[in-house]
Amino acid sequence: MIRSFEFRVLKIVFALLLLAVSVAGQAAIETYRFDETSQEESYKKLVAELRCLVCQNQNLADSNAELAHDMRRKTYEMIMAGKTDDEIVDFMVERYGDFVMYKPPVKSTTLLLWFGPLLFLLLAATVVFVFVRKQKQKQPLVSTQQQQQVHKLLDE
């Protein structure tokens, strides 16, 4: 049998869950009309390739951030104006930087993006190697003479 306190807690949890679901259901759905299927395919490809600068781990297609909405709208407008995919990507890179692309080109300004994880891995491996080596070189806390004395005392 559920006590009244436990029942109240369950009602509050249920109400919070309903609130969370209703907020998620209010997300805006954008619909764009394209003259040709090639334009729609180009749009889908671009919003999947470009990164949301607010979310950083989501592409434009998956993000609900306001900046992502603006970037999708601008992409749509440029496609409808007859711009090519390369022109649209160049515009986005010029405006937001190379980070807007999931696969930025390898150049001097993006070297850290490409090789940073490898450098951190090498640094971590070096730290672990040095630490382990120092641990092996440390003198034992107890000398052999002290160990023999302890064994004698334990034997007595």
C-alpha atoms as a PDB file:
ATOM      1  CA  MET A   1       0.000   0.000   0.000  1.00  0.00           C
ATOM      2  CA  ILE A   2       1.391   3.398  -0.971  1.00  0.00           C
ATOM      3  CA  ARG A   3       1.600   5.944   1.798  1.00  0.00           C
ATOM      4  CA  SER A   4       0.239   9.423   1.191  1.00  0.00           C
ATOM      5  CA  PHE A   5       3.728  11.008   1.209  1.00  0.00           C
ATOM      6  CA  GLU A   6       4.982   8.548  -1.396  1.00  0.00           C
ATOM      7  CA  PHE A   7       1.848   9.137  -3.455  1.00  0.00           C
ATOM      8  CA  ARG A   8       2.449  12.913  -3.399  1.00  0.00           C
ATOM      9  CA  VAL A   9       6.060  12.397  -4.534  1.00  0.00           C
ATOM     10  CA  LEU A  10       4.872  10.177  -7.384  1.00  0.00           C
ATOM     11  CA  LYS A  11       2.334  12.818  -8.441  1.00  0.00           C
ATOM     12  CA  ILE A  12       5.044  15.513  -8.486  1.00  0.00           C
ATOM     13  CA  VAL A  13       7.420  13.333 -10.504  1.00  0.00           C
ATOM     14  CA  PHE A  14       4.635  12.495 -12.962  1.00  0.00           C
ATOM     15  CA  ALA A  15       3.745  16.190 -13.327  1.00  0.00           C
ATOM     16  CA  LEU A  16       7.390  17.087 -13.992  1.00  0.00           C
ATOM     17  CA  LEU A  17       7.624  14.363 -16.642  1.00  0.00           C
ATOM     18  CA  LEU A  18       4.482  15.668 -18.357  1.00  0.00           C
ATOM     19  CA  LEU A  19       5.901  19.182 -18.282  1.00  0.00           C
ATOM     20  CA  ALA A  20       9.177  18.024 -19.831  1.00  0.00           C
ATOM     21  CA  VAL A  21       7.351  16.169 -22.613  1.00  0.00           C
ATOM     22  CA  SER A  22       5.113  19.149 -23.385  1.00  0.00           C
ATOM     23  CA  VAL A  23       8.118  21.503 -23.656  1.00  0.00           C
ATOM     24  CA  ALA A  24       9.896  19.133 -26.039  1.00  0.00           C
ATOM     25  CA  GLY A  25       6.760  18.943 -28.155  1.00  0.00           C
ATOM     26  CA  GLN A  26       6.790  22.690 -28.728  1.00  0.00           C
ATOM     27  CA  ALA A  27       9.969  22.637 -30.827  1.00  0.00           C
ATOM     28  CA  ALA A  28       9.463  24.466 -34.092  1.00  0.00           C
ATOM     29  CA  ILE A  29       9.459  22.419 -37.272  1.00  0.00           C
ATOM     30  CA  GLU A  30      10.825  24.198 -40.296  1.00  0.00           C
ATOM     31  CA  THR A  31       9.417  23.390 -43.697  1.00  0.00           C
ATOM     32  CA  TYR A  32      10.946  24.710 -46.857  1.00  0.00           C
ATOM     33  CA  ARG A  33       9.621  24.334 -50.383  1.00  0.00           C
ATOM     34  CA  PHE A  34      12.089  23.629 -53.150  1.00  0.00           C
ATOM     35  CA  ASP A  35      11.583  24.010 -56.877  1.00  0.00           C
ATOM     36  CA  GLU A  36      13.667  20.937 -57.683  1.00  0.00           C
ATOM     37  CA  THR A  37      14.638  17.784 -55.839  1.00  0.00           C
ATOM     38  CA  SER A  38      18.308  18.586 -56.447  1.00  0.00           C
ATOM     39  CA  GLN A  39      17.896  21.750 -54.371  1.00  0.00           C
ATOM     40  CA  GLU A  40      16.338  19.770 -51.535  1.00  0.00           C
ATOM     41  CA  GLU A  41      19.118  17.168 -51.684  1.00  0.00           C
ATOM     42  CA  SER A  42      21.715  19.933 -51.643  1.00  0.00           C
ATOM     43  CA  TYR A  43      20.025  21.544 -48.626  1.00  0.00           C
ATOM     44  CA  LYS A  44      19.890  18.258 -46.711  1.00  0.00           C
ATOM     45  CA  LYS A  45      23.540  17.535 -47.515  1.00  0.00           C
ATOM     46  CA  LEU A  46      24.698  20.992 -46.408  1.00  0.00           C
ATOM     47  CA  VAL A  47      22.783  21.091 -43.118  1.00  0.00           C
ATOM     48  CA  ALA A  48      24.152  17.624 -42.337  1.00  0.00           C
ATOM     49  CA  GLU A  49      27.755  18.694 -43.096  1.00  0.00           C
ATOM     50  CA  LEU A  50      27.760  22.036 -41.286  1.00  0.00           C
ATOM     51  CA  ARG A  51      28.230  22.176 -37.513  1.00  0.00           C
ATOM     52  CA  CYS A  52      26.072  24.152 -35.112  1.00  0.00           C
ATOM     53  CA  LEU A  53      28.417  26.576 -33.389  1.00  0.00           C
ATOM     54  CA  VAL A  54      26.277  26.658 -30.259  1.00  0.00           C
ATOM     55  CA  CYS A  55      25.840  22.901 -29.798  1.00  0.00           C
ATOM     56  CA  GLN A  56      29.222  22.016 -31.359  1.00  0.00           C
ATOM     57  CA  ASN A  57      28.535  18.273 -31.460  1.00  0.00           C
ATOM     58  CA  GLN A  58      25.421  18.561 -33.589  1.00  0.00           C
ATOM     59  CA  ASN A  59      24.998  19.423 -37.200  1.00  0.00           C
ATOM     60  CA  LEU A  60      22.596  22.129 -38.329  1.00  0.00           C
ATOM     61  CA  ALA A  61      19.906  19.588 -39.142  1.00  0.00           C
ATOM     62  CA  ASP A  62      19.796  18.244 -35.576  1.00  0.00           C
ATOM     63  CA  SER A  63      20.195  21.478 -33.630  1.00  0.00           C
ATOM     64  CA  ASN A  64      17.375  23.568 -32.189  1.00  0.00           C
ATOM     65  CA  ALA A  65      19.627  26.506 -31.313  1.00  0.00           C
ATOM     66  CA  GLU A  66      18.551  29.888 -32.641  1.00  0.00           C
ATOM     67  CA  LEU A  67      21.820  30.283 -34.552  1.00  0.00           C
ATOM     68  CA  ALA A  68      21.216  26.927 -36.245  1.00  0.00           C
ATOM     69  CA  HIS A  69      17.757  28.129 -37.336  1.00  0.00           C
ATOM     70  CA  ASP A  70      19.344  31.243 -38.830  1.00  0.00           C
ATOM     71  CA  MET A  71      22.054  29.224 -40.563  1.00  0.00           C
ATOM     72  CA  ARG A  72      19.506  26.795 -42.031  1.00  0.00           C
ATOM     73  CA  ARG A  73      17.391  29.717 -43.247  1.00  0.00           C
ATOM     74  CA  LYS A  74      20.444  31.365 -44.845  1.00  0.00           C
ATOM     75  CA  THR A  75      21.395  28.060 -46.478  1.00  0.00           C
ATOM     76  CA  TYR A  76      17.874  27.754 -47.905  1.00  0.00           C
ATOM     77  CA  GLU A  77      17.922  31.332 -49.182  1.00  0.00           C
ATOM     78  CA  MET A  78      21.286  30.843 -50.871  1.00  0.00           C
ATOM     79  CA  ILE A  79      20.170  27.598 -52.514  1.00  0.00           C
ATOM     80  CA  MET A  80      17.032  29.293 -53.816  1.00  0.00           C
ATOM     81  CA  ALA A  81      19.216  32.154 -55.112  1.00  0.00           C
ATOM     82  CA  GLY A  82      21.134  29.620 -57.221  1.00  0.00           C
ATOM     83  CA  LYS A  83      24.349  29.437 -55.189  1.00  0.00           C
ATOM     84  CA  THR A  84      26.421  26.266 -55.430  1.00  0.00           C
ATOM     85  CA  ASP A  85      27.275  24.072 -52.442  1.00  0.00           C
ATOM     86  CA  ASP A  86      30.873  25.303 -52.529  1.00  0.00           C
ATOM     87  CA  GLU A  87      29.754  28.941 -52.519  1.00  0.00           C
ATOM     88  CA  ILE A  88      27.483  28.301 -49.545  1.00  0.00           C
ATOM     89  CA  VAL A  89      30.215  26.480 -47.594  1.00  0.00           C
ATOM     90  CA  ASP A  90      32.697  29.256 -48.442  1.00  0.00           C
ATOM     91  CA  PHE A  91      30.206  31.842 -47.163  1.00  0.00           C
ATOM     92  CA  MET A  92      29.671  29.942 -43.907  1.00  0.00           C
ATOM     93  CA  VAL A  93      33.432  29.451 -43.403  1.00  0.00           C
ATOM     94  CA  GLU A  94      34.095  33.119 -44.109  1.00  0.00           C
ATOM     95  CA  ARG A  95      31.413  34.154 -41.666  1.00  0.00           C
ATOM     96  CA  TYR A  96      31.924  31.590 -38.883  1.00  0.00           C
ATOM     97  CA  GLY A  97      35.395  30.146 -39.443  1.00  0.00           C
ATOM     98  CA  ASP A  98      36.634  26.654 -40.285  1.00  0.00           C
ATOM     99  CA  PHE A  99      35.058  25.221 -37.135  1.00  0.00           C
ATOM    100  CA  VAL A 100      31.665  25.357 -38.863  1.00  0.00           C
ATOM    101  CA  MET A 101      32.734  22.369 -40.956  1.00  0.00           C
ATOM    102  CA  TYR A 102      32.871  18.864 -39.479  1.00  0.00           C
ATOM    103  CA  LYS A 103      35.909  18.136 -41.649  1.00  0.00           C
ATOM    104  CA  PRO A 104      37.883  21.382 -41.782  1.00  0.00           C
ATOM    105  CA  PRO A 105      40.770  21.561 -44.259  1.00  0.00           C
ATOM    106  CA  VAL A 106      44.288  20.892 -42.971  1.00  0.00           C
ATOM    107  CA  LYS A 107      46.037  24.258 -42.852  1.00  0.00           C
ATOM    108  CA  SER A 108      48.074  26.257 -40.378  1.00  0.00           C
ATOM    109  CA  THR A 109      45.034  27.576 -38.504  1.00  0.00           C
ATOM    110  CA  THR A 110      43.439  24.131 -38.119  1.00  0.00           C
ATOM    111  CA  LEU A 111      46.491  22.070 -37.197  1.00  0.00           C
ATOM    112  CA  LEU A 112      45.439  21.974 -33.546  1.00  0.00           C
ATOM    113  CA  LEU A 113      42.008  20.644 -34.534  1.00  0.00           C
ATOM    114  CA  TRP A 114      43.578  17.840 -36.552  1.00  0.00           C
ATOM    115  CA  PHE A 115      46.599  16.920 -34.444  1.00  0.00           C
ATOM    116  CA  GLY A 116      45.628  18.187 -30.975  1.00  0.00           C
ATOM    117  CA  PRO A 117      44.104  14.885 -29.817  1.00  0.00           C
ATOM    118  CA  LEU A 118      47.231  13.003 -30.929  1.00  0.00           C
ATOM    119  CA  LEU A 119      49.447  15.470 -29.046  1.00  0.00           C
ATOM    120  CA  PHE A 120      47.370  15.073 -25.878  1.00  0.00           C
ATOM    121  CA  LEU A 121      47.561  11.287 -26.200  1.00  0.00           C
ATOM    122  CA  LEU A 122      51.344  11.400 -26.582  1.00  0.00           C
ATOM    123  CA  LEU A 123      51.640  13.772 -23.628  1.00  0.00           C
ATOM    124  CA  ALA A 124      49.498  11.490 -21.440  1.00  0.00           C
ATOM    125  CA  ALA A 125      51.511   8.427 -22.479  1.00  0.00           C
ATOM    126  CA  THR A 126      54.761  10.251 -21.640  1.00  0.00           C
ATOM    127  CA  VAL A 127      53.469  11.258 -18.202  1.00  0.00           C
ATOM    128  CA  VAL A 128      52.377   7.685 -17.469  1.00  0.00           C
ATOM    129  CA  PHE A 129      55.719   6.296 -18.695  1.00  0.00           C
ATOM    130  CA  VAL A 130      57.740   8.715 -16.539  1.00  0.00           C
ATOM    131  CA  PHE A 131      55.542   8.052 -13.497  1.00  0.00           C
ATOM    132  CA  VAL A 132      55.838   4.271 -13.829  1.00  0.00           C
ATOM    133  CA  ARG A 133      59.582   4.505 -14.357  1.00  0.00           C
ATOM    134  CA  LYS A 134      60.038   6.649 -11.236  1.00  0.00           C
ATOM    135  CA  GLN A 135      57.933   4.218  -9.220  1.00  0.00           C
ATOM    136  CA  LYS A 136      60.192   1.340 -10.254  1.00  0.00           C
ATOM    137  CA  GLN A 137      63.347   3.299  -9.359  1.00  0.00           C
ATOM    138  CA  LYS A 138      62.171   4.283  -5.881  1.00  0.00           C
ATOM    139  CA  GLN A 139      63.978   2.712  -2.967  1.00  0.00           C
ATOM    140  CA  PRO A 140      61.848   0.362  -0.876  1.00  0.00           C
ATOM    141  CA  LEU A 141      60.386   1.923   2.243  1.00  0.00           C
ATOM    142  CA  VAL A 142      62.040  -0.731   4.385  1.00  0.00           C
ATOM    143  CA  SER A 143      65.685  -1.794   3.975  1.00  0.00           C
ATOM    144  CA  THR A 144      66.659  -5.455   3.832  1.00  0.00           C
ATOM    145  CA  GLN A 145      68.217  -5.167   7.289  1.00  0.00           C
ATOM    146  CA  GLN A 146      64.955  -3.835   8.700  1.00  0.00           C
ATOM    147  CA  GLN A 147      63.037  -6.620   6.943  1.00  0.00           C
ATOM    148  CA  GLN A 148      65.297  -9.229   8.574  1.00  0.00           C
ATOM    149  CA  GLN A 149      64.710  -7.642  11.982  1.00  0.00           C
ATOM    150  CA  VAL A 150      60.944  -7.779  11.454  1.00  0.00           C
ATOM    151  CA  HIS A 151      61.146 -11.449  10.426  1.00  0.00           C
ATOM    152  CA  LYS A 152      63.192 -12.245  13.566  1.00  0.00           C
ATOM    153  CA  LEU A 153      60.644 -10.517  15.779  1.00  0.00           C
ATOM    154  CA  LEU A 154      57.777 -12.337  14.103  1.00  0.00           C
ATOM    155  CA  ASP A 155      59.524 -15.669  14.427  1.00  0.00           C
ATOM    156  CA  GLU A 156      60.009 -15.222  18.196  1.00  0.00           C
END
